[in-house]
């Protein structure tokens, strides 16, 4: 009898110990979820603060730009107001604009001459575009003058380089079938135009990225809260 009671007591004690361990693991897990929620909240706050700063900067930049909608062109775009009358180019040079899809575009011209690629260099740094073959759309000729439009990550890198070095000497090189045709300095007023255009584009793009990031974090917090609630954790978390 005593032997049976001893065994039963051990089973009860073992069960109590197992229950305590289970409750502790559950509490630890809920605390872990709570920590993850708080970390996500802090990042949301950081994103929102940064978004506000960027939106203010975008608003300040936009004052210096004009929206152009020309029926003779494929789509509308934003262009630096001070240089609006310098575009379209009528001589060798390079300008920037932001199309109606929010994409940064560089338009380069060589007169006289043909080219399908450019590179920009300053202070020992260089960025090179992709090759845009002559197709009378993005690379077209008008008499002796060739005009080419560049966009995408390579054009972005060129814009970044010019923006960083706008106060320095910046050179643009024109290539045709991989061969260097001519290399010219970028006039200061055009460099400043490209810098302003790049800054507007870059700030807008970063604000959009942070907004997407904040939205993803909101969804993460809500998912973590729901999971913690199902696990018996305390509610009271509100996504800000």
C-alpha atoms as a PDB file:
ATOM      1  CA  UNK A   1       0.000   0.000   0.000  1.00  0.00           C
ATOM      2  CA  UNK A   2       2.742   2.378   0.997  1.00  0.00           C
ATOM      3  CA  UNK A   3       4.671   1.444  -2.121  1.00  0.00           C
ATOM      4  CA  UNK A   4       1.656   2.241  -4.329  1.00  0.00           C
ATOM      5  CA  UNK A   5       1.084   5.586  -2.609  1.00  0.00           C
ATOM      6  CA  UNK A   6       4.746   6.500  -3.033  1.00  0.00           C
ATOM      7  CA  UNK A   7       4.548   5.767  -6.755  1.00  0.00           C
ATOM      8  CA  UNK A   8       1.334   7.748  -7.178  1.00  0.00           C
ATOM      9  CA  UNK A   9       2.828  10.692  -5.308  1.00  0.00           C
ATOM     10  CA  UNK A  10       5.853  10.671  -7.586  1.00  0.00           C
ATOM     11  CA  UNK A  11       3.576  10.685 -10.642  1.00  0.00           C
ATOM     12  CA  UNK A  12       1.594  13.632  -9.242  1.00  0.00           C
ATOM     13  CA  UNK A  13       4.771  15.528  -8.431  1.00  0.00           C
ATOM     14  CA  UNK A  14       6.191  14.743 -11.861  1.00  0.00           C
ATOM     15  CA  UNK A  15       2.972  15.988 -13.448  1.00  0.00           C
ATOM     16  CA  UNK A  16       3.129  19.193 -11.458  1.00  0.00           C
ATOM     17  CA  UNK A  17       6.753  19.702 -12.500  1.00  0.00           C
ATOM     18  CA  UNK A  18       5.904  19.097 -16.155  1.00  0.00           C
ATOM     19  CA  UNK A  19       3.016  21.561 -15.928  1.00  0.00           C
ATOM     20  CA  UNK A  20       5.258  24.201 -14.379  1.00  0.00           C
ATOM     21  CA  UNK A  21       7.832  23.740 -17.118  1.00  0.00           C
ATOM     22  CA  UNK A  22       5.119  24.009 -19.772  1.00  0.00           C
ATOM     23  CA  UNK A  23       3.724  27.198 -18.274  1.00  0.00           C
ATOM     24  CA  UNK A  24       7.223  28.674 -18.011  1.00  0.00           C
ATOM     25  CA  UNK A  25       7.981  27.838 -21.635  1.00  0.00           C
ATOM     26  CA  UNK A  26       4.682  29.397 -22.651  1.00  0.00           C
ATOM     27  CA  UNK A  27       5.432  32.550 -20.652  1.00  0.00           C
ATOM     28  CA  UNK A  28       8.932  32.754 -22.120  1.00  0.00           C
ATOM     29  CA  UNK A  29       7.522  32.390 -25.622  1.00  0.00           C
ATOM     30  CA  UNK A  30       4.939  35.106 -25.029  1.00  0.00           C
ATOM     31  CA  UNK A  31       7.661  37.401 -23.707  1.00  0.00           C
ATOM     32  CA  UNK A  32       9.665  36.693 -26.856  1.00  0.00           C
ATOM     33  CA  UNK A  33       6.641  37.645 -28.963  1.00  0.00           C
ATOM     34  CA  UNK A  34       6.222  40.806 -26.921  1.00  0.00           C
ATOM     35  CA  UNK A  35       9.878  41.725 -27.468  1.00  0.00           C
ATOM     36  CA  UNK A  36       9.475  41.197 -31.224  1.00  0.00           C
ATOM     37  CA  UNK A  37       6.367  43.398 -31.206  1.00  0.00           C
ATOM     38  CA  UNK A  38       8.209  46.182 -29.384  1.00  0.00           C
ATOM     39  CA  UNK A  39      11.201  46.021 -31.733  1.00  0.00           C
ATOM     40  CA  UNK A  40       8.869  46.249 -34.727  1.00  0.00           C
ATOM     41  CA  UNK A  41       7.020  49.180 -33.138  1.00  0.00           C
ATOM     42  CA  UNK A  42      10.277  51.035 -32.600  1.00  0.00           C
ATOM     43  CA  UNK A  43      11.231  50.508 -36.242  1.00  0.00           C
ATOM     44  CA  UNK A  44       7.787  51.735 -37.340  1.00  0.00           C
ATOM     45  CA  UNK A  45       8.328  54.921 -35.321  1.00  0.00           C
ATOM     46  CA  UNK A  46      11.782  55.325 -36.871  1.00  0.00           C
ATOM     47  CA  UNK A  47      10.349  54.850 -40.372  1.00  0.00           C
ATOM     48  CA  UNK A  48       7.564  57.352 -39.745  1.00  0.00           C
ATOM     49  CA  UNK A  49      10.011  59.970 -38.457  1.00  0.00           C
ATOM     50  CA  UNK A  50      12.268  59.496 -41.461  1.00  0.00           C
ATOM     51  CA  UNK A  51       9.307  59.575 -43.873  1.00  0.00           C
ATOM     52  CA  UNK A  52       8.220  62.937 -42.451  1.00  0.00           C
ATOM     53  CA  UNK A  53      11.709  64.398 -42.974  1.00  0.00           C
ATOM     54  CA  UNK A  54      11.855  63.067 -46.530  1.00  0.00           C
ATOM     55  CA  UNK A  55       8.355  64.299 -47.404  1.00  0.00           C
ATOM     56  CA  UNK A  56       9.348  67.777 -46.219  1.00  0.00           C
ATOM     57  CA  UNK A  57      12.464  67.646 -48.402  1.00  0.00           C
ATOM     58  CA  UNK A  58      10.457  66.441 -51.408  1.00  0.00           C
ATOM     59  CA  UNK A  59       8.060  69.336 -50.928  1.00  0.00           C
ATOM     60  CA  UNK A  60      10.966  71.792 -50.860  1.00  0.00           C
ATOM     61  CA  UNK A  61      12.480  70.305 -54.026  1.00  0.00           C
ATOM     62  CA  UNK A  62       9.164  70.294 -55.901  1.00  0.00           C
ATOM     63  CA  UNK A  63       8.951  74.082 -55.690  1.00  0.00           C
ATOM     64  CA  UNK A  64      11.861  74.192 -58.151  1.00  0.00           C
ATOM     65  CA  UNK A  65      10.267  71.876 -60.736  1.00  0.00           C
ATOM     66  CA  UNK A  66       7.726  72.251 -63.507  1.00  0.00           C
ATOM     67  CA  UNK A  67       5.386  69.541 -64.767  1.00  0.00           C
ATOM     68  CA  UNK A  68       5.420  69.252 -68.557  1.00  0.00           C
ATOM     69  CA  UNK A  69       2.716  67.533 -70.595  1.00  0.00           C
ATOM     70  CA  UNK A  70       3.536  67.865 -74.253  1.00  0.00           C
ATOM     71  CA  UNK A  71       1.200  65.998 -76.635  1.00  0.00           C
ATOM     72  CA  UNK A  72       4.135  65.531 -79.023  1.00  0.00           C
ATOM     73  CA  UNK A  73       5.972  63.477 -76.399  1.00  0.00           C
ATOM     74  CA  UNK A  74       5.148  60.001 -75.127  1.00  0.00           C
ATOM     75  CA  UNK A  75       4.372  61.061 -71.536  1.00  0.00           C
ATOM     76  CA  UNK A  76       4.554  63.839 -68.998  1.00  0.00           C
ATOM     77  CA  UNK A  77       7.564  64.586 -66.816  1.00  0.00           C
ATOM     78  CA  UNK A  78       8.995  66.877 -64.161  1.00  0.00           C
ATOM     79  CA  UNK A  79      11.896  69.104 -65.127  1.00  0.00           C
ATOM     80  CA  UNK A  80      14.024  71.606 -63.219  1.00  0.00           C
ATOM     81  CA  UNK A  81      12.307  74.936 -63.860  1.00  0.00           C
ATOM     82  CA  UNK A  82      15.467  76.991 -64.355  1.00  0.00           C
ATOM     83  CA  UNK A  83      16.528  74.686 -67.179  1.00  0.00           C
ATOM     84  CA  UNK A  84      13.112  74.062 -68.738  1.00  0.00           C
ATOM     85  CA  UNK A  85      13.945  76.204 -71.756  1.00  0.00           C
ATOM     86  CA  UNK A  86      17.207  74.286 -72.307  1.00  0.00           C
ATOM     87  CA  UNK A  87      15.311  71.091 -73.107  1.00  0.00           C
ATOM     88  CA  UNK A  88      15.058  69.473 -75.619  1.00  0.00           C
ATOM     89  CA  UNK A  89      18.792  69.787 -76.187  1.00  0.00           C
ATOM     90  CA  UNK A  90      19.977  71.419 -79.390  1.00  0.00           C
ATOM     91  CA  UNK A  91      23.696  70.875 -78.811  1.00  0.00           C
ATOM     92  CA  UNK A  92      25.971  68.388 -77.045  1.00  0.00           C
ATOM     93  CA  UNK A  93      25.081  67.961 -73.383  1.00  0.00           C
ATOM     94  CA  UNK A  94      23.165  66.005 -70.771  1.00  0.00           C
ATOM     95  CA  UNK A  95      19.987  66.774 -68.809  1.00  0.00           C
ATOM     96  CA  UNK A  96      17.718  64.942 -66.358  1.00  0.00           C
ATOM     97  CA  UNK A  97      14.005  64.632 -65.754  1.00  0.00           C
ATOM     98  CA  UNK A  98      11.534  62.468 -63.820  1.00  0.00           C
ATOM     99  CA  UNK A  99       8.875  60.780 -65.923  1.00  0.00           C
ATOM    100  CA  UNK A 100       5.228  60.414 -64.958  1.00  0.00           C
ATOM    101  CA  UNK A 101       5.974  56.965 -63.502  1.00  0.00           C
ATOM    102  CA  UNK A 102       8.444  58.516 -61.062  1.00  0.00           C
ATOM    103  CA  UNK A 103      11.497  57.162 -62.893  1.00  0.00           C
ATOM    104  CA  UNK A 104      14.748  59.101 -63.182  1.00  0.00           C
ATOM    105  CA  UNK A 105      15.812  59.657 -66.790  1.00  0.00           C
ATOM    106  CA  UNK A 106      18.958  61.085 -68.368  1.00  0.00           C
ATOM    107  CA  UNK A 107      18.873  62.528 -71.880  1.00  0.00           C
ATOM    108  CA  UNK A 108      22.226  63.023 -73.585  1.00  0.00           C
ATOM    109  CA  UNK A 109      22.928  64.600 -76.960  1.00  0.00           C
ATOM    110  CA  UNK A 110      25.965  64.748 -79.226  1.00  0.00           C
ATOM    111  CA  UNK A 111      26.154  67.241 -82.067  1.00  0.00           C
ATOM    112  CA  UNK A 112      27.674  66.322 -84.408  1.00  0.00           C
ATOM    113  CA  UNK A 113      28.162  62.614 -83.893  1.00  0.00           C
ATOM    114  CA  UNK A 114      26.627  59.236 -83.124  1.00  0.00           C
ATOM    115  CA  UNK A 115      26.715  57.366 -79.801  1.00  0.00           C
ATOM    116  CA  UNK A 116      24.890  54.615 -77.927  1.00  0.00           C
ATOM    117  CA  UNK A 117      26.467  54.793 -74.459  1.00  0.00           C
ATOM    118  CA  UNK A 118      27.853  57.349 -72.001  1.00  0.00           C
ATOM    119  CA  UNK A 119      30.020  57.386 -68.916  1.00  0.00           C
ATOM    120  CA  UNK A 120      30.431  60.102 -66.309  1.00  0.00           C
ATOM    121  CA  UNK A 121      33.526  60.580 -64.176  1.00  0.00           C
ATOM    122  CA  UNK A 122      34.672  62.875 -61.381  1.00  0.00           C
ATOM    123  CA  UNK A 123      37.280  62.744 -58.639  1.00  0.00           C
ATOM    124  CA  UNK A 124      38.463  59.301 -59.735  1.00  0.00           C
ATOM    125  CA  UNK A 125      34.956  57.792 -59.762  1.00  0.00           C
ATOM    126  CA  UNK A 126      33.100  56.631 -62.858  1.00  0.00           C
ATOM    127  CA  UNK A 127      29.602  55.402 -63.719  1.00  0.00           C
ATOM    128  CA  UNK A 128      28.674  53.962 -67.097  1.00  0.00           C
ATOM    129  CA  UNK A 129      25.309  53.552 -68.794  1.00  0.00           C
ATOM    130  CA  UNK A 130      23.969  50.563 -70.653  1.00  0.00           C
ATOM    131  CA  UNK A 131      24.180  50.490 -74.443  1.00  0.00           C
ATOM    132  CA  UNK A 132      21.041  51.883 -76.102  1.00  0.00           C
ATOM    133  CA  UNK A 133      21.087  50.931 -79.798  1.00  0.00           C
ATOM    134  CA  UNK A 134      19.779  53.295 -82.444  1.00  0.00           C
ATOM    135  CA  UNK A 135      16.052  52.545 -82.801  1.00  0.00           C
ATOM    136  CA  UNK A 136      14.566  55.983 -83.446  1.00  0.00           C
ATOM    137  CA  UNK A 137      12.767  55.756 -80.081  1.00  0.00           C
ATOM    138  CA  UNK A 138      15.279  55.944 -77.218  1.00  0.00           C
ATOM    139  CA  UNK A 139      18.239  56.563 -79.540  1.00  0.00           C
ATOM    140  CA  UNK A 140      17.375  58.761 -82.487  1.00  0.00           C
ATOM    141  CA  UNK A 141      19.141  60.998 -84.967  1.00  0.00           C
ATOM    142  CA  UNK A 142      18.183  64.342 -86.398  1.00  0.00           C
ATOM    143  CA  UNK A 143      20.643  65.311 -89.065  1.00  0.00           C
ATOM    144  CA  UNK A 144      24.098  65.251 -87.489  1.00  0.00           C
ATOM    145  CA  UNK A 145      22.747  65.201 -83.919  1.00  0.00           C
ATOM    146  CA  UNK A 146      22.114  62.058 -81.855  1.00  0.00           C
ATOM    147  CA  UNK A 147      19.922  62.040 -78.735  1.00  0.00           C
ATOM    148  CA  UNK A 148      19.722  59.067 -76.360  1.00  0.00           C
ATOM    149  CA  UNK A 149      17.551  58.526 -73.287  1.00  0.00           C
ATOM    150  CA  UNK A 150      18.934  56.412 -70.417  1.00  0.00           C
ATOM    151  CA  UNK A 151      17.069  54.995 -67.406  1.00  0.00           C
ATOM    152  CA  UNK A 152      17.372  52.151 -64.919  1.00  0.00           C
ATOM    153  CA  UNK A 153      19.965  51.371 -62.274  1.00  0.00           C
ATOM    154  CA  UNK A 154      22.929  52.458 -64.424  1.00  0.00           C
ATOM    155  CA  UNK A 155      21.340  55.850 -65.094  1.00  0.00           C
ATOM    156  CA  UNK A 156      20.584  56.092 -61.380  1.00  0.00           C
ATOM    157  CA  UNK A 157      24.259  55.534 -60.592  1.00  0.00           C
ATOM    158  CA  UNK A 158      25.232  58.278 -63.045  1.00  0.00           C
ATOM    159  CA  UNK A 159      22.725  60.620 -61.396  1.00  0.00           C
ATOM    160  CA  UNK A 160      24.106  59.760 -57.959  1.00  0.00           C
ATOM    161  CA  UNK A 161      27.681  60.402 -59.074  1.00  0.00           C
ATOM    162  CA  UNK A 162      26.836  63.769 -60.639  1.00  0.00           C
ATOM    163  CA  UNK A 163      24.818  64.764 -57.563  1.00  0.00           C
ATOM    164  CA  UNK A 164      27.712  63.901 -55.259  1.00  0.00           C
ATOM    165  CA  UNK A 165      30.223  65.793 -57.388  1.00  0.00           C
ATOM    166  CA  UNK A 166      28.130  68.684 -58.700  1.00  0.00           C
ATOM    167  CA  UNK A 167      30.579  71.176 -57.178  1.00  0.00           C
ATOM    168  CA  UNK A 168      33.567  69.414 -58.785  1.00  0.00           C
ATOM    169  CA  UNK A 169      34.622  68.993 -62.393  1.00  0.00           C
ATOM    170  CA  UNK A 170      32.402  66.319 -63.971  1.00  0.00           C
ATOM    171  CA  UNK A 171      33.147  64.814 -67.383  1.00  0.00           C
ATOM    172  CA  UNK A 172      30.778  62.995 -69.728  1.00  0.00           C
ATOM    173  CA  UNK A 173      32.176  60.601 -72.350  1.00  0.00           C
ATOM    174  CA  UNK A 174      30.264  59.463 -75.435  1.00  0.00           C
ATOM    175  CA  UNK A 175      30.805  55.966 -76.883  1.00  0.00           C
ATOM    176  CA  UNK A 176      29.713  54.354 -80.124  1.00  0.00           C
ATOM    177  CA  UNK A 177      30.045  50.573 -80.432  1.00  0.00           C
ATOM    178  CA  UNK A 178      32.390  50.598 -77.450  1.00  0.00           C
ATOM    179  CA  UNK A 179      34.720  53.241 -78.914  1.00  0.00           C
ATOM    180  CA  UNK A 180      35.223  56.599 -77.221  1.00  0.00           C
ATOM    181  CA  UNK A 181      34.061  59.400 -79.528  1.00  0.00           C
ATOM    182  CA  UNK A 182      34.408  62.503 -77.392  1.00  0.00           C
ATOM    183  CA  UNK A 183      34.713  63.537 -73.739  1.00  0.00           C
ATOM    184  CA  UNK A 184      33.405  66.888 -72.501  1.00  0.00           C
ATOM    185  CA  UNK A 185      32.996  68.654 -69.148  1.00  0.00           C
ATOM    186  CA  UNK A 186      29.425  69.035 -67.912  1.00  0.00           C
ATOM    187  CA  UNK A 187      28.519  72.699 -67.594  1.00  0.00           C
ATOM    188  CA  UNK A 188      27.855  73.721 -63.970  1.00  0.00           C
ATOM    189  CA  UNK A 189      24.239  74.725 -64.589  1.00  0.00           C
ATOM    190  CA  UNK A 190      23.493  71.310 -66.115  1.00  0.00           C
ATOM    191  CA  UNK A 191      25.293  69.527 -63.275  1.00  0.00           C
ATOM    192  CA  UNK A 192      23.187  71.479 -60.770  1.00  0.00           C
ATOM    193  CA  UNK A 193      20.035  70.587 -62.670  1.00  0.00           C
ATOM    194  CA  UNK A 194      20.905  66.884 -62.602  1.00  0.00           C
ATOM    195  CA  UNK A 195      21.815  67.114 -58.910  1.00  0.00           C
ATOM    196  CA  UNK A 196      18.443  68.690 -58.019  1.00  0.00           C
ATOM    197  CA  UNK A 197      16.563  66.150 -60.136  1.00  0.00           C
ATOM    198  CA  UNK A 198      18.445  63.256 -58.573  1.00  0.00           C
ATOM    199  CA  UNK A 199      17.823  64.547 -55.038  1.00  0.00           C
ATOM    200  CA  UNK A 200      14.078  64.880 -55.659  1.00  0.00           C
ATOM    201  CA  UNK A 201      13.935  61.413 -57.199  1.00  0.00           C
ATOM    202  CA  UNK A 202      16.125  59.834 -54.516  1.00  0.00           C
ATOM    203  CA  UNK A 203      14.209  61.350 -51.584  1.00  0.00           C
ATOM    204  CA  UNK A 204      10.858  60.376 -53.111  1.00  0.00           C
ATOM    205  CA  UNK A 205      12.038  56.819 -53.780  1.00  0.00           C
ATOM    206  CA  UNK A 206      13.375  56.408 -50.232  1.00  0.00           C
ATOM    207  CA  UNK A 207      10.140  57.755 -48.719  1.00  0.00           C
ATOM    208  CA  UNK A 208       8.157  55.251 -50.786  1.00  0.00           C
ATOM    209  CA  UNK A 209      10.465  52.427 -49.677  1.00  0.00           C
ATOM    210  CA  UNK A 210      10.064  53.346 -46.013  1.00  0.00           C
ATOM    211  CA  UNK A 211       6.290  53.534 -46.382  1.00  0.00           C
ATOM    212  CA  UNK A 212       6.272  49.996 -47.763  1.00  0.00           C
ATOM    213  CA  UNK A 213       8.562  48.909 -44.928  1.00  0.00           C
ATOM    214  CA  UNK A 214       6.310  50.496 -42.291  1.00  0.00           C
ATOM    215  CA  UNK A 215       3.243  48.793 -43.774  1.00  0.00           C
ATOM    216  CA  UNK A 216       4.999  45.428 -43.708  1.00  0.00           C
ATOM    217  CA  UNK A 217       5.952  45.999 -40.045  1.00  0.00           C
ATOM    218  CA  UNK A 218       2.334  46.887 -39.185  1.00  0.00           C
ATOM    219  CA  UNK A 219       1.248  43.567 -40.661  1.00  0.00           C
ATOM    220  CA  UNK A 220       4.008  41.775 -38.746  1.00  0.00           C
ATOM    221  CA  UNK A 221       2.907  43.325 -35.437  1.00  0.00           C
ATOM    222  CA  UNK A 222      -0.708  42.345 -36.036  1.00  0.00           C
ATOM    223  CA  UNK A 223       0.358  38.792 -36.875  1.00  0.00           C
ATOM    224  CA  UNK A 224       2.524  38.542 -33.748  1.00  0.00           C
ATOM    225  CA  UNK A 225      -0.284  39.915 -31.580  1.00  0.00           C
ATOM    226  CA  UNK A 226      -2.776  37.412 -32.978  1.00  0.00           C
ATOM    227  CA  UNK A 227      -0.311  34.579 -32.395  1.00  0.00           C
ATOM    228  CA  UNK A 228       0.343  35.711 -28.828  1.00  0.00           C
ATOM    229  CA  UNK A 229      -3.390  36.005 -28.141  1.00  0.00           C
ATOM    230  CA  UNK A 230      -3.919  32.446 -29.353  1.00  0.00           C
ATOM    231  CA  UNK A 231      -1.113  31.390 -27.051  1.00  0.00           C
ATOM    232  CA  UNK A 232      -2.859  32.913 -24.045  1.00  0.00           C
ATOM    233  CA  UNK A 233      -0.745  36.038 -23.852  1.00  0.00           C
ATOM    234  CA  UNK A 234      -1.942  39.425 -22.649  1.00  0.00           C
ATOM    235  CA  UNK A 235      -3.475  41.768 -25.185  1.00  0.00           C
ATOM    236  CA  UNK A 236      -3.173  45.514 -25.145  1.00  0.00           C
ATOM    237  CA  UNK A 237      -0.790  46.092 -28.012  1.00  0.00           C
ATOM    238  CA  UNK A 238      -1.987  48.757 -30.397  1.00  0.00           C
ATOM    239  CA  UNK A 239      -0.165  49.407 -33.638  1.00  0.00           C
ATOM    240  CA  UNK A 240       0.639  53.094 -33.935  1.00  0.00           C
END
